[in-house]
């Protein structure tokens, strides 16, 4: 398992445009990427903070996600809408 947590600080005036694009990116990832197991989108009410929690089979599946055309399109379309983006990755502790 490979977990990804991303926090976006979206420009407030861009939030209503950003959220549908984010939702489509998540839905396409789940539908078209066999290695994408989970993709949650959370939003802080009253703020322009968006938090993602994604689970992939492994790092290779996450790397494949980032190489997908739909991800590249999302990334390009939203680049000017984002003030900051913080990405953290976590690997499963083998028991």
PDB file of N, CA and C in Angstrom:
ATOM      1  N   UNK A   1       0.837  -1.178   0.000  1.00  0.00           N
ATOM      2  CA  UNK A   1       0.000   0.000   0.000  1.00  0.00           C
ATOM      3  C   UNK A   1       0.882   1.242   0.000  1.00  0.00           C
ATOM      4  N   UNK A   2       0.445   2.244  -0.735  1.00  0.00           N
ATOM      5  CA  UNK A   2       1.151   3.510  -0.847  1.00  0.00           C
ATOM      6  C   UNK A   2       0.102   4.606  -0.698  1.00  0.00           C
ATOM      7  N   UNK A   3       0.221   5.409   0.356  1.00  0.00           N
ATOM      8  CA  UNK A   3      -0.770   6.459   0.632  1.00  0.00           C
ATOM      9  C   UNK A   3      -0.201   7.820   0.267  1.00  0.00           C
ATOM     10  N   UNK A   4      -1.078   8.658  -0.266  1.00  0.00           N
ATOM     11  CA  UNK A   4      -0.707  10.013  -0.666  1.00  0.00           C
ATOM     12  C   UNK A   4      -1.696  10.978  -0.013  1.00  0.00           C
ATOM     13  N   UNK A   5      -1.161  12.009   0.626  1.00  0.00           N
ATOM     14  CA  UNK A   5      -1.985  13.070   1.208  1.00  0.00           C
ATOM     15  C   UNK A   5      -1.537  14.388   0.584  1.00  0.00           C
ATOM     16  N   UNK A   6      -2.490  15.110   0.030  1.00  0.00           N
ATOM     17  CA  UNK A   6      -2.185  16.381  -0.620  1.00  0.00           C
ATOM     18  C   UNK A   6      -3.090  17.456  -0.027  1.00  0.00           C
ATOM     19  N   UNK A   7      -2.502  18.574   0.347  1.00  0.00           N
ATOM     20  CA  UNK A   7      -3.279  19.722   0.821  1.00  0.00           C
ATOM     21  C   UNK A   7      -3.054  20.874  -0.144  1.00  0.00           C
ATOM     22  N   UNK A   8      -4.162  21.357  -0.707  1.00  0.00           N
ATOM     23  CA  UNK A   8      -4.131  22.510  -1.605  1.00  0.00           C
ATOM     24  C   UNK A   8      -4.696  23.713  -0.866  1.00  0.00           C
ATOM     25  N   UNK A   9      -4.041  24.836  -0.987  1.00  0.00           N
ATOM     26  CA  UNK A   9      -4.651  26.100  -0.603  1.00  0.00           C
ATOM     27  C   UNK A   9      -5.014  26.768  -1.922  1.00  0.00           C
ATOM     28  N   UNK A  10      -6.300  26.714  -2.242  1.00  0.00           N
ATOM     29  CA  UNK A  10      -6.802  27.221  -3.515  1.00  0.00           C
ATOM     30  C   UNK A  10      -7.108  28.711  -3.365  1.00  0.00           C
ATOM     31  N   UNK A  11      -6.883  29.460  -4.405  1.00  0.00           N
ATOM     32  CA  UNK A  11      -7.284  30.864  -4.383  1.00  0.00           C
ATOM     33  C   UNK A  11      -8.796  30.906  -4.200  1.00  0.00           C
ATOM     34  N   UNK A  12      -9.248  31.707  -3.256  1.00  0.00           N
ATOM     35  CA  UNK A  12     -10.656  31.721  -2.875  1.00  0.00           C
ATOM     36  C   UNK A  12     -11.589  31.936  -4.053  1.00  0.00           C
ATOM     37  N   UNK A  13     -11.220  32.825  -4.954  1.00  0.00           N
ATOM     38  CA  UNK A  13     -12.093  33.103  -6.091  1.00  0.00           C
ATOM     39  C   UNK A  13     -12.047  31.988  -7.151  1.00  0.00           C
ATOM     40  N   UNK A  14     -11.200  30.990  -6.964  1.00  0.00           N
ATOM     41  CA  UNK A  14     -11.082  29.876  -7.920  1.00  0.00           C
ATOM     42  C   UNK A  14     -11.697  28.580  -7.401  1.00  0.00           C
ATOM     43  N   UNK A  15     -12.135  28.567  -6.155  1.00  0.00           N
ATOM     44  CA  UNK A  15     -12.602  27.326  -5.543  1.00  0.00           C
ATOM     45  C   UNK A  15     -13.752  26.677  -6.300  1.00  0.00           C
ATOM     46  N   UNK A  16     -14.731  27.451  -6.738  1.00  0.00           N
ATOM     47  CA  UNK A  16     -15.882  26.855  -7.436  1.00  0.00           C
ATOM     48  C   UNK A  16     -15.484  26.275  -8.784  1.00  0.00           C
ATOM     49  N   UNK A  17     -14.434  26.765  -9.397  1.00  0.00           N
ATOM     50  CA  UNK A  17     -13.934  26.177 -10.646  1.00  0.00           C
ATOM     51  C   UNK A  17     -13.020  24.981 -10.360  1.00  0.00           C
ATOM     52  N   UNK A  18     -12.282  25.034  -9.265  1.00  0.00           N
ATOM     53  CA  UNK A  18     -11.320  23.987  -8.931  1.00  0.00           C
ATOM     54  C   UNK A  18     -12.002  22.667  -8.544  1.00  0.00           C
ATOM     55  N   UNK A  19     -13.021  22.742  -7.700  1.00  0.00           N
ATOM     56  CA  UNK A  19     -13.622  21.523  -7.145  1.00  0.00           C
ATOM     57  C   UNK A  19     -14.171  20.556  -8.204  1.00  0.00           C
ATOM     58  N   UNK A  20     -14.906  21.001  -9.218  1.00  0.00           N
ATOM     59  CA  UNK A  20     -15.362  20.048 -10.237  1.00  0.00           C
ATOM     60  C   UNK A  20     -14.210  19.395 -11.007  1.00  0.00           C
ATOM     61  N   UNK A  21     -13.145  20.133 -11.246  1.00  0.00           N
ATOM     62  CA  UNK A  21     -11.980  19.566 -11.925  1.00  0.00           C
ATOM     63  C   UNK A  21     -11.302  18.511 -11.046  1.00  0.00           C
ATOM     64  N   UNK A  22     -11.232  18.795  -9.753  1.00  0.00           N
ATOM     65  CA  UNK A  22     -10.648  17.837  -8.814  1.00  0.00           C
ATOM     66  C   UNK A  22     -11.493  16.582  -8.744  1.00  0.00           C
ATOM     67  N   UNK A  23     -12.794  16.759  -8.687  1.00  0.00           N
ATOM     68  CA  UNK A  23     -13.716  15.620  -8.626  1.00  0.00           C
ATOM     69  C   UNK A  23     -13.598  14.744  -9.871  1.00  0.00           C
ATOM     70  N   UNK A  24     -13.495  15.350 -11.018  1.00  0.00           N
ATOM     71  CA  UNK A  24     -13.347  14.572 -12.257  1.00  0.00           C
ATOM     72  C   UNK A  24     -12.014  13.835 -12.290  1.00  0.00           C
ATOM     73  N   UNK A  25     -10.968  14.465 -11.813  1.00  0.00           N
ATOM     74  CA  UNK A  25      -9.664  13.800 -11.735  1.00  0.00           C
ATOM     75  C   UNK A  25      -9.743  12.565 -10.844  1.00  0.00           C
ATOM     76  N   UNK A  26     -10.381  12.695  -9.699  1.00  0.00           N
ATOM     77  CA  UNK A  26     -10.520  11.562  -8.770  1.00  0.00           C
ATOM     78  C   UNK A  26     -11.354  10.442  -9.389  1.00  0.00           C
ATOM     79  N   UNK A  27     -12.478  10.801  -9.966  1.00  0.00           N
ATOM     80  CA  UNK A  27     -13.346   9.782 -10.571  1.00  0.00           C
ATOM     81  C   UNK A  27     -12.645   9.042 -11.710  1.00  0.00           C
ATOM     82  N   UNK A  28     -11.925   9.774 -12.539  1.00  0.00           N
ATOM     83  CA  UNK A  28     -11.210   9.149 -13.649  1.00  0.00           C
ATOM     84  C   UNK A  28     -10.090   8.252 -13.125  1.00  0.00           C
ATOM     85  N   UNK A  29      -9.404   8.692 -12.088  1.00  0.00           N
ATOM     86  CA  UNK A  29      -8.351   7.871 -11.493  1.00  0.00           C
ATOM     87  C   UNK A  29      -8.910   6.544 -11.001  1.00  0.00           C
ATOM     88  N   UNK A  30     -10.006   6.595 -10.287  1.00  0.00           N
ATOM     89  CA  UNK A  30     -10.615   5.370  -9.766  1.00  0.00           C
ATOM     90  C   UNK A  30     -11.142   4.468 -10.884  1.00  0.00           C
ATOM     91  N   UNK A  31     -11.666   5.060 -11.914  1.00  0.00           N
ATOM     92  CA  UNK A  31     -12.259   4.307 -13.016  1.00  0.00           C
ATOM     93  C   UNK A  31     -11.218   3.699 -13.951  1.00  0.00           C
ATOM     94  N   UNK A  32     -10.145   4.427 -14.222  1.00  0.00           N
ATOM     95  CA  UNK A  32      -9.219   4.027 -15.281  1.00  0.00           C
ATOM     96  C   UNK A  32      -7.867   3.521 -14.806  1.00  0.00           C
ATOM     97  N   UNK A  33      -7.571   3.649 -13.535  1.00  0.00           N
ATOM     98  CA  UNK A  33      -6.264   3.237 -13.031  1.00  0.00           C
ATOM     99  C   UNK A  33      -6.415   2.047 -12.086  1.00  0.00           C
ATOM    100  N   UNK A  34      -6.032   0.862 -12.521  1.00  0.00           N
ATOM    101  CA  UNK A  34      -6.200  -0.319 -11.676  1.00  0.00           C
ATOM    102  C   UNK A  34      -5.441  -0.232 -10.353  1.00  0.00           C
ATOM    103  N   UNK A  35      -4.350   0.519 -10.311  1.00  0.00           N
ATOM    104  CA  UNK A  35      -3.569   0.641  -9.086  1.00  0.00           C
ATOM    105  C   UNK A  35      -4.075   1.679  -8.107  1.00  0.00           C
ATOM    106  N   UNK A  36      -5.097   2.451  -8.493  1.00  0.00           N
ATOM    107  CA  UNK A  36      -5.693   3.464  -7.610  1.00  0.00           C
ATOM    108  C   UNK A  36      -6.861   2.826  -6.865  1.00  0.00           C
ATOM    109  N   UNK A  37      -6.706   2.647  -5.570  1.00  0.00           N
ATOM    110  CA  UNK A  37      -7.708   1.950  -4.766  1.00  0.00           C
ATOM    111  C   UNK A  37      -8.695   2.887  -4.059  1.00  0.00           C
ATOM    112  N   UNK A  38      -8.262   4.095  -3.761  1.00  0.00           N
ATOM    113  CA  UNK A  38      -9.094   5.000  -2.957  1.00  0.00           C
ATOM    114  C   UNK A  38      -8.677   6.436  -3.279  1.00  0.00           C
ATOM    115  N   UNK A  39      -9.657   7.330  -3.369  1.00  0.00           N
ATOM    116  CA  UNK A  39      -9.347   8.724  -3.696  1.00  0.00           C
ATOM    117  C   UNK A  39     -10.419   9.608  -3.074  1.00  0.00           C
ATOM    118  N   UNK A  40     -10.146  10.125  -1.894  1.00  0.00           N
ATOM    119  CA  UNK A  40     -11.083  10.999  -1.185  1.00  0.00           C
ATOM    120  C   UNK A  40     -10.702  12.459  -1.384  1.00  0.00           C
ATOM    121  N   UNK A  41     -11.719  13.306  -1.492  1.00  0.00           N
ATOM    122  CA  UNK A  41     -11.537  14.752  -1.579  1.00  0.00           C
ATOM    123  C   UNK A  41     -12.298  15.371  -0.405  1.00  0.00           C
ATOM    124  N   UNK A  42     -11.608  16.163   0.389  1.00  0.00           N
ATOM    125  CA  UNK A  42     -12.231  16.836   1.528  1.00  0.00           C
ATOM    126  C   UNK A  42     -12.002  18.338   1.386  1.00  0.00           C
ATOM    127  N   UNK A  43     -12.951  19.097   1.902  1.00  0.00           N
ATOM    128  CA  UNK A  43     -12.892  20.558   1.796  1.00  0.00           C
ATOM    129  C   UNK A  43     -13.200  21.154   3.157  1.00  0.00           C
ATOM    130  N   UNK A  44     -12.432  22.139   3.567  1.00  0.00           N
ATOM    131  CA  UNK A  44     -12.681  22.821   4.825  1.00  0.00           C
ATOM    132  C   UNK A  44     -13.783  23.855   4.608  1.00  0.00           C
ATOM    133  N   UNK A  45     -14.943  23.703   5.259  1.00  0.00           N
ATOM    134  CA  UNK A  45     -16.034  24.660   5.075  1.00  0.00           C
ATOM    135  C   UNK A  45     -15.600  26.094   5.414  1.00  0.00           C
ATOM    136  N   UNK A  46     -15.984  27.008   4.557  1.00  0.00           N
ATOM    137  CA  UNK A  46     -15.684  28.413   4.771  1.00  0.00           C
ATOM    138  C   UNK A  46     -14.265  28.810   4.399  1.00  0.00           C
ATOM    139  N   UNK A  47     -13.476  27.852   3.941  1.00  0.00           N
ATOM    140  CA  UNK A  47     -12.104  28.137   3.544  1.00  0.00           C
ATOM    141  C   UNK A  47     -11.855  27.550   2.162  1.00  0.00           C
ATOM    142  N   UNK A  48     -10.716  27.853   1.600  1.00  0.00           N
ATOM    143  CA  UNK A  48     -10.368  27.331   0.279  1.00  0.00           C
ATOM    144  C   UNK A  48      -9.278  26.260   0.398  1.00  0.00           C
ATOM    145  N   UNK A  49      -9.363  25.458   1.460  1.00  0.00           N
ATOM    146  CA  UNK A  49      -8.424  24.366   1.675  1.00  0.00           C
ATOM    147  C   UNK A  49      -9.066  23.070   1.200  1.00  0.00           C
ATOM    148  N   UNK A  50      -8.337  22.335   0.355  1.00  0.00           N
ATOM    149  CA  UNK A  50      -8.814  21.058  -0.166  1.00  0.00           C
ATOM    150  C   UNK A  50      -7.764  20.008   0.189  1.00  0.00           C
ATOM    151  N   UNK A  51      -8.229  18.897   0.755  1.00  0.00           N
ATOM    152  CA  UNK A  51      -7.351  17.819   1.198  1.00  0.00           C
ATOM    153  C   UNK A  51      -7.700  16.548   0.446  1.00  0.00           C
ATOM    154  N   UNK A  52      -6.679  15.893  -0.098  1.00  0.00           N
ATOM    155  CA  UNK A  52      -6.866  14.616  -0.793  1.00  0.00           C
ATOM    156  C   UNK A  52      -6.215  13.505   0.002  1.00  0.00           C
ATOM    157  N   UNK A  53      -6.874  12.342  -0.013  1.00  0.00           N
ATOM    158  CA  UNK A  53      -6.311  11.134   0.577  1.00  0.00           C
ATOM    159  C   UNK A  53      -6.457  10.045  -0.463  1.00  0.00           C
ATOM    160  N   UNK A  54      -5.316   9.557  -0.947  1.00  0.00           N
ATOM    161  CA  UNK A  54      -5.311   8.585  -2.035  1.00  0.00           C
ATOM    162  C   UNK A  54      -4.545   7.334  -1.612  1.00  0.00           C
ATOM    163  N   UNK A  55      -5.046   6.175  -2.033  1.00  0.00           N
ATOM    164  CA  UNK A  55      -4.364   4.905  -1.770  1.00  0.00           C
ATOM    165  C   UNK A  55      -4.081   4.224  -3.102  1.00  0.00           C
ATOM    166  N   UNK A  56      -2.831   3.831  -3.277  1.00  0.00           N
ATOM    167  CA  UNK A  56      -2.390   3.115  -4.475  1.00  0.00           C
ATOM    168  C   UNK A  56      -1.804   1.773  -4.063  1.00  0.00           C
ATOM    169  N   UNK A  57      -1.743   0.859  -5.008  1.00  0.00           N
ATOM    170  CA  UNK A  57      -1.154  -0.450  -4.725  1.00  0.00           C
ATOM    171  C   UNK A  57       0.301  -0.320  -4.281  1.00  0.00           C
ATOM    172  N   UNK A  58       1.017   0.602  -4.914  1.00  0.00           N
ATOM    173  CA  UNK A  58       2.441   0.779  -4.638  1.00  0.00           C
ATOM    174  C   UNK A  58       2.884   2.105  -5.272  1.00  0.00           C
ATOM    175  N   UNK A  59       4.157   2.421  -5.097  1.00  0.00           N
ATOM    176  CA  UNK A  59       4.677   3.677  -5.646  1.00  0.00           C
ATOM    177  C   UNK A  59       4.593   3.699  -7.166  1.00  0.00           C
ATOM    178  N   UNK A  60       4.802   2.557  -7.804  1.00  0.00           N
ATOM    179  CA  UNK A  60       4.720   2.494  -9.268  1.00  0.00           C
ATOM    180  C   UNK A  60       3.327   2.886  -9.751  1.00  0.00           C
ATOM    181  N   UNK A  61       2.290   2.480  -9.025  1.00  0.00           N
ATOM    182  CA  UNK A  61       0.914   2.840  -9.398  1.00  0.00           C
ATOM    183  C   UNK A  61       0.699   4.349  -9.250  1.00  0.00           C
ATOM    184  N   UNK A  62       1.287   4.954  -8.220  1.00  0.00           N
ATOM    185  CA  UNK A  62       1.183   6.404  -8.053  1.00  0.00           C
ATOM    186  C   UNK A  62       1.947   7.131  -9.164  1.00  0.00           C
ATOM    187  N   UNK A  63       3.130   6.626  -9.491  1.00  0.00           N
ATOM    188  CA  UNK A  63       3.898   7.215 -10.591  1.00  0.00           C
ATOM    189  C   UNK A  63       3.117   7.122 -11.901  1.00  0.00           C
ATOM    190  N   UNK A  64       2.440   5.990 -12.123  1.00  0.00           N
ATOM    191  CA  UNK A  64       1.611   5.821 -13.322  1.00  0.00           C
ATOM    192  C   UNK A  64       0.467   6.835 -13.321  1.00  0.00           C
ATOM    193  N   UNK A  65      -0.131   7.073 -12.150  1.00  0.00           N
ATOM    194  CA  UNK A  65      -1.203   8.069 -12.018  1.00  0.00           C
ATOM    195  C   UNK A  65      -0.715   9.437 -12.500  1.00  0.00           C
ATOM    196  N   UNK A  66       0.468   9.820 -12.056  1.00  0.00           N
ATOM    197  CA  UNK A  66       1.011  11.137 -12.407  1.00  0.00           C
ATOM    198  C   UNK A  66       1.399  11.247 -13.878  1.00  0.00           C
ATOM    199  N   UNK A  67       1.522  10.113 -14.551  1.00  0.00           N
ATOM    200  CA  UNK A  67       1.863  10.104 -15.978  1.00  0.00           C
ATOM    201  C   UNK A  67       0.624  10.066 -16.875  1.00  0.00           C
ATOM    202  N   UNK A  68      -0.547   9.878 -16.280  1.00  0.00           N
ATOM    203  CA  UNK A  68      -1.793   9.781 -17.053  1.00  0.00           C
ATOM    204  C   UNK A  68      -2.165  11.138 -17.656  1.00  0.00           C
ATOM    205  N   UNK A  69      -2.737  11.102 -18.844  1.00  0.00           N
ATOM    206  CA  UNK A  69      -3.154  12.345 -19.504  1.00  0.00           C
ATOM    207  C   UNK A  69      -4.165  13.119 -18.678  1.00  0.00           C
ATOM    208  N   UNK A  70      -5.116  12.418 -18.049  1.00  0.00           N
ATOM    209  CA  UNK A  70      -6.138  13.139 -17.262  1.00  0.00           C
ATOM    210  C   UNK A  70      -5.507  13.875 -16.087  1.00  0.00           C
ATOM    211  N   UNK A  71      -4.471  13.306 -15.473  1.00  0.00           N
ATOM    212  CA  UNK A  71      -3.785  14.000 -14.386  1.00  0.00           C
ATOM    213  C   UNK A  71      -3.037  15.221 -14.925  1.00  0.00           C
ATOM    214  N   UNK A  72      -2.319  15.041 -16.028  1.00  0.00           N
ATOM    215  CA  UNK A  72      -1.584  16.159 -16.618  1.00  0.00           C
ATOM    216  C   UNK A  72      -2.521  17.290 -17.028  1.00  0.00           C
ATOM    217  N   UNK A  73      -3.688  16.941 -17.576  1.00  0.00           N
ATOM    218  CA  UNK A  73      -4.682  17.951 -17.947  1.00  0.00           C
ATOM    219  C   UNK A  73      -5.193  18.696 -16.715  1.00  0.00           C
ATOM    220  N   UNK A  74      -5.501  17.947 -15.649  1.00  0.00           N
ATOM    221  CA  UNK A  74      -5.954  18.555 -14.402  1.00  0.00           C
ATOM    222  C   UNK A  74      -4.877  19.482 -13.844  1.00  0.00           C
ATOM    223  N   UNK A  75      -3.657  18.992 -13.799  1.00  0.00           N
ATOM    224  CA  UNK A  75      -2.542  19.763 -13.247  1.00  0.00           C
ATOM    225  C   UNK A  75      -2.367  21.086 -14.002  1.00  0.00           C
ATOM    226  N   UNK A  76      -2.423  21.027 -15.327  1.00  0.00           N
ATOM    227  CA  UNK A  76      -2.269  22.243 -16.145  1.00  0.00           C
ATOM    228  C   UNK A  76      -3.454  23.192 -15.961  1.00  0.00           C
ATOM    229  N   UNK A  77      -4.663  22.631 -15.919  1.00  0.00           N
ATOM    230  CA  UNK A  77      -5.873  23.464 -15.814  1.00  0.00           C
ATOM    231  C   UNK A  77      -5.986  24.172 -14.480  1.00  0.00           C
ATOM    232  N   UNK A  78      -5.398  23.598 -13.425  1.00  0.00           N
ATOM    233  CA  UNK A  78      -5.561  24.169 -12.085  1.00  0.00           C
ATOM    234  C   UNK A  78      -4.330  24.902 -11.565  1.00  0.00           C
ATOM    235  N   UNK A  79      -3.250  24.877 -12.305  1.00  0.00           N
ATOM    236  CA  UNK A  79      -1.982  25.449 -11.816  1.00  0.00           C
ATOM    237  C   UNK A  79      -2.131  26.891 -11.330  1.00  0.00           C
ATOM    238  N   UNK A  80      -2.871  27.697 -12.053  1.00  0.00           N
ATOM    239  CA  UNK A  80      -3.023  29.106 -11.681  1.00  0.00           C
ATOM    240  C   UNK A  80      -4.084  29.322 -10.597  1.00  0.00           C
ATOM    241  N   UNK A  81      -4.800  28.264 -10.228  1.00  0.00           N
ATOM    242  CA  UNK A  81      -5.844  28.363  -9.205  1.00  0.00           C
ATOM    243  C   UNK A  81      -5.312  28.101  -7.792  1.00  0.00           C
ATOM    244  N   UNK A  82      -4.077  27.631  -7.688  1.00  0.00           N
ATOM    245  CA  UNK A  82      -3.530  27.131  -6.426  1.00  0.00           C
ATOM    246  C   UNK A  82      -2.477  28.092  -5.875  1.00  0.00           C
ATOM    247  N   UNK A  83      -2.654  28.459  -4.592  1.00  0.00           N
ATOM    248  CA  UNK A  83      -1.626  29.252  -3.912  1.00  0.00           C
ATOM    249  C   UNK A  83      -0.497  28.346  -3.428  1.00  0.00           C
ATOM    250  N   UNK A  84      -0.847  27.252  -2.755  1.00  0.00           N
ATOM    251  CA  UNK A  84       0.161  26.318  -2.264  1.00  0.00           C
ATOM    252  C   UNK A  84      -0.357  24.886  -2.396  1.00  0.00           C
ATOM    253  N   UNK A  85       0.598  23.975  -2.499  1.00  0.00           N
ATOM    254  CA  UNK A  85       0.283  22.545  -2.595  1.00  0.00           C
ATOM    255  C   UNK A  85       1.327  21.798  -1.789  1.00  0.00           C
ATOM    256  N   UNK A  86       0.861  20.973  -0.846  1.00  0.00           N
ATOM    257  CA  UNK A  86       1.773  20.181  -0.029  1.00  0.00           C
ATOM    258  C   UNK A  86       1.439  18.711  -0.233  1.00  0.00           C
ATOM    259  N   UNK A  87       2.419  17.940  -0.707  1.00  0.00           N
ATOM    260  CA  UNK A  87       2.228  16.518  -0.963  1.00  0.00           C
ATOM    261  C   UNK A  87       3.074  15.717   0.010  1.00  0.00           C
ATOM    262  N   UNK A  88       2.438  14.721   0.621  1.00  0.00           N
ATOM    263  CA  UNK A  88       3.155  13.793   1.513  1.00  0.00           C
ATOM    264  C   UNK A  88       2.817  12.387   1.078  1.00  0.00           C
ATOM    265  N   UNK A  89       3.808  11.522   1.128  1.00  0.00           N
ATOM    266  CA  UNK A  89       3.588  10.122   0.772  1.00  0.00           C
ATOM    267  C   UNK A  89       3.950   9.244   1.959  1.00  0.00           C
ATOM    268  N   UNK A  90       3.255   8.105   2.036  1.00  0.00           N
ATOM    269  CA  UNK A  90       3.458   7.172   3.141  1.00  0.00           C
ATOM    270  C   UNK A  90       3.485   5.751   2.573  1.00  0.00           C
ATOM    271  N   UNK A  91       4.426   4.978   3.036  1.00  0.00           N
ATOM    272  CA  UNK A  91       4.494   3.586   2.645  1.00  0.00           C
ATOM    273  C   UNK A  91       4.031   2.716   3.807  1.00  0.00           C
ATOM    274  N   UNK A  92       3.398   1.621   3.470  1.00  0.00           N
ATOM    275  CA  UNK A  92       2.912   0.703   4.494  1.00  0.00           C
ATOM    276  C   UNK A  92       4.084   0.109   5.278  1.00  0.00           C
ATOM    277  N   UNK A  93       3.879  -0.011   6.574  1.00  0.00           N
ATOM    278  CA  UNK A  93       4.866  -0.672   7.428  1.00  0.00           C
ATOM    279  C   UNK A  93       4.602  -2.170   7.308  1.00  0.00           C
ATOM    280  N   UNK A  94       5.593  -2.893   6.866  1.00  0.00           N
ATOM    281  CA  UNK A  94       5.448  -4.340   6.694  1.00  0.00           C
ATOM    282  C   UNK A  94       5.495  -4.995   8.077  1.00  0.00           C
ATOM    283  N   UNK A  95       4.502  -5.852   8.298  1.00  0.00           N
ATOM    284  CA  UNK A  95       4.444  -6.524   9.612  1.00  0.00           C
ATOM    285  C   UNK A  95       5.224  -7.803   9.587  1.00  0.00           C
TER     286      UNK A  95
END
